[in-house]
Amino acid sequence: MTRSTTTTRRRLAPTPGRRAIPATTGDAGPVLHGIGTAVPSHISDQAMLVDRLAAMWSLDGARLEKWTRILDGSGIEQRRSVLPIEEIIGLSTGERMAAFEKHAPSLALDAARRALDRTGLDPHVITDVV
């Protein structure tokens, strides 16, 4: 015995300027309609980081060369942070995590808005956010 099911999404009236998700039949499964990203606004390049560490830890000579090799070897060209480098460099891991936790919700909101804007969908028809 074979059983067939049909699922139909209910159409909601879209907000002006937005579109509704079209009704579907069958089990289409989850659909990714948009992706949005957001990054912290404070940018530091590797040279700036080497300079700050050298000043903070009084690095010179072989010690400075060692840290320069370590940072250059990471392959990272820029680092981003929720706080300026001057504020973050002296913080403990816990303090840095607390600062990020404070600023993360606004970054998440920015990313969600970008994803939604790219879809053109009415926000009321979105059922899940990953």
Protein backbone atom coordinates (compact mmCIF):
# COMPACT_ATOMS: atom_id res chain seq x y z
CA MET A 1 0.00 0.00 0.00
CA THR A 2 1.36 3.42 -0.97
CA ARG A 3 0.42 6.56 0.82
CA SER A 4 0.66 9.98 -0.79
CA THR A 5 0.68 13.24 1.12
CA THR A 6 0.43 16.76 -0.15
CA THR A 7 1.49 19.76 1.88
CA THR A 8 0.52 23.27 0.94
CA ARG A 9 2.01 26.36 2.56
CA ARG A 10 -0.47 29.03 3.46
CA ARG A 11 0.15 32.27 1.59
CA LEU A 12 0.39 35.37 3.75
CA ALA A 13 -0.17 38.84 2.39
CA PRO A 14 3.29 40.35 1.85
CA THR A 15 4.40 43.66 3.28
CA PRO A 16 4.49 46.30 0.54
CA GLY A 17 7.77 45.97 -1.37
CA ARG A 18 8.29 42.38 -0.23
CA ARG A 19 7.19 39.09 -1.73
CA ALA A 20 5.53 36.11 -0.14
CA ILE A 21 7.07 32.65 -0.29
CA PRO A 22 5.23 30.84 -3.08
CA ALA A 23 2.94 28.01 -2.04
CA THR A 24 4.46 24.59 -2.67
CA THR A 25 3.15 21.10 -2.93
CA GLY A 26 4.94 17.99 -1.79
CA ASP A 27 7.75 17.73 0.68
CA ALA A 28 10.27 20.26 -0.64
CA GLY A 29 12.17 20.26 2.66
CA PRO A 30 13.99 23.26 4.08
CA VAL A 31 14.98 26.05 1.70
CA LEU A 32 17.77 28.55 2.29
CA HIS A 33 16.51 31.86 0.95
CA GLY A 34 19.32 34.19 2.01
CA ILE A 35 22.63 34.54 3.80
CA GLY A 36 23.78 37.61 5.71
CA THR A 37 27.03 38.35 7.48
CA ALA A 38 28.29 41.04 9.83
CA VAL A 39 31.73 41.67 11.28
CA PRO A 40 32.98 43.93 14.08
CA SER A 41 33.96 47.42 12.97
CA HIS A 42 37.42 47.72 14.55
CA ILE A 43 40.13 46.53 12.14
CA SER A 44 43.78 45.90 12.95
CA ASP A 45 46.36 44.72 10.48
CA GLN A 46 49.25 42.48 11.48
CA ALA A 47 51.85 45.27 11.42
CA MET A 48 49.77 47.29 13.88
CA LEU A 49 49.45 44.25 16.13
CA VAL A 50 53.21 43.63 16.08
CA ASP A 51 53.81 47.28 16.99
CA ARG A 52 51.31 47.15 19.88
CA LEU A 53 52.67 43.88 21.26
CA ALA A 54 56.24 45.16 20.98
CA ALA A 55 55.35 48.28 22.95
CA MET A 56 53.24 46.44 25.54
CA TRP A 57 55.76 43.65 26.15
CA SER A 58 58.94 45.70 25.53
CA LEU A 59 59.92 43.41 22.67
CA ASP A 60 63.07 44.05 20.72
CA GLY A 61 65.78 42.15 18.88
CA ALA A 62 65.30 38.37 18.70
CA ARG A 63 62.10 38.43 20.77
CA LEU A 64 60.51 40.95 18.41
CA GLU A 65 61.66 38.93 15.37
CA LYS A 66 60.12 35.79 16.89
CA TRP A 67 56.71 37.44 17.42
CA THR A 68 56.85 39.00 13.96
CA ARG A 69 57.47 35.53 12.44
CA ILE A 70 54.62 34.04 14.50
CA LEU A 71 52.12 36.70 13.43
CA ASP A 72 53.30 36.78 9.80
CA GLY A 73 53.17 32.98 9.68
CA SER A 74 49.52 32.93 10.70
CA GLY A 75 48.48 34.04 7.22
CA ILE A 76 46.03 36.49 8.79
CA GLU A 77 46.17 39.94 7.21
CA GLN A 78 43.51 41.67 9.31
CA ARG A 79 41.84 41.07 12.62
CA ARG A 80 38.47 42.46 13.62
CA SER A 81 37.27 43.22 17.11
CA VAL A 82 34.28 44.72 18.89
CA LEU A 83 36.70 47.01 20.76
CA PRO A 84 39.65 49.08 19.53
CA ILE A 85 43.00 47.28 19.68
CA GLU A 86 44.17 49.68 22.39
CA GLU A 87 41.38 48.46 24.66
CA ILE A 88 41.37 44.78 23.83
CA ILE A 89 45.07 43.96 23.89
CA GLY A 90 45.34 44.10 27.68
CA LEU A 91 42.14 42.17 28.44
CA SER A 92 41.93 38.62 29.71
CA THR A 93 40.18 35.98 27.61
CA GLY A 94 37.12 36.25 29.87
CA GLU A 95 36.99 40.02 29.49
CA ARG A 96 37.30 39.74 25.69
CA MET A 97 34.50 37.16 25.62
CA ALA A 98 32.28 39.42 27.77
CA ALA A 99 32.90 42.34 25.39
CA PHE A 100 31.98 40.18 22.39
CA GLU A 101 28.89 38.85 24.18
CA LYS A 102 27.76 42.44 24.73
CA HIS A 103 28.20 43.38 21.05
CA ALA A 104 27.19 40.08 19.39
CA PRO A 105 23.40 40.70 19.37
CA SER A 106 23.76 43.84 17.23
CA LEU A 107 26.05 41.96 14.82
CA ALA A 108 23.49 39.13 14.61
CA LEU A 109 20.73 41.65 13.89
CA ASP A 110 22.81 43.26 11.13
CA ALA A 111 23.46 39.84 9.56
CA ALA A 112 19.78 38.88 9.76
CA ARG A 113 18.74 42.16 8.12
CA ARG A 114 21.23 41.65 5.30
CA ALA A 115 19.97 38.10 4.71
CA LEU A 116 16.37 39.26 4.69
CA ASP A 117 17.12 42.18 2.36
CA ARG A 118 18.79 39.82 -0.12
CA THR A 119 15.73 37.58 -0.24
CA GLY A 120 13.14 40.25 -0.82
CA LEU A 121 10.80 38.14 1.33
CA ASP A 122 8.25 39.48 3.74
CA PRO A 123 9.68 38.99 7.26
CA HIS A 124 6.37 37.49 8.42
CA VAL A 125 6.79 34.44 6.20
CA ILE A 126 10.17 33.45 7.65
CA THR A 127 9.74 30.44 9.94
CA ASP A 128 13.31 29.55 10.93
CA VAL A 129 16.68 31.27 11.26
CA VAL A 130 19.93 29.34 11.40
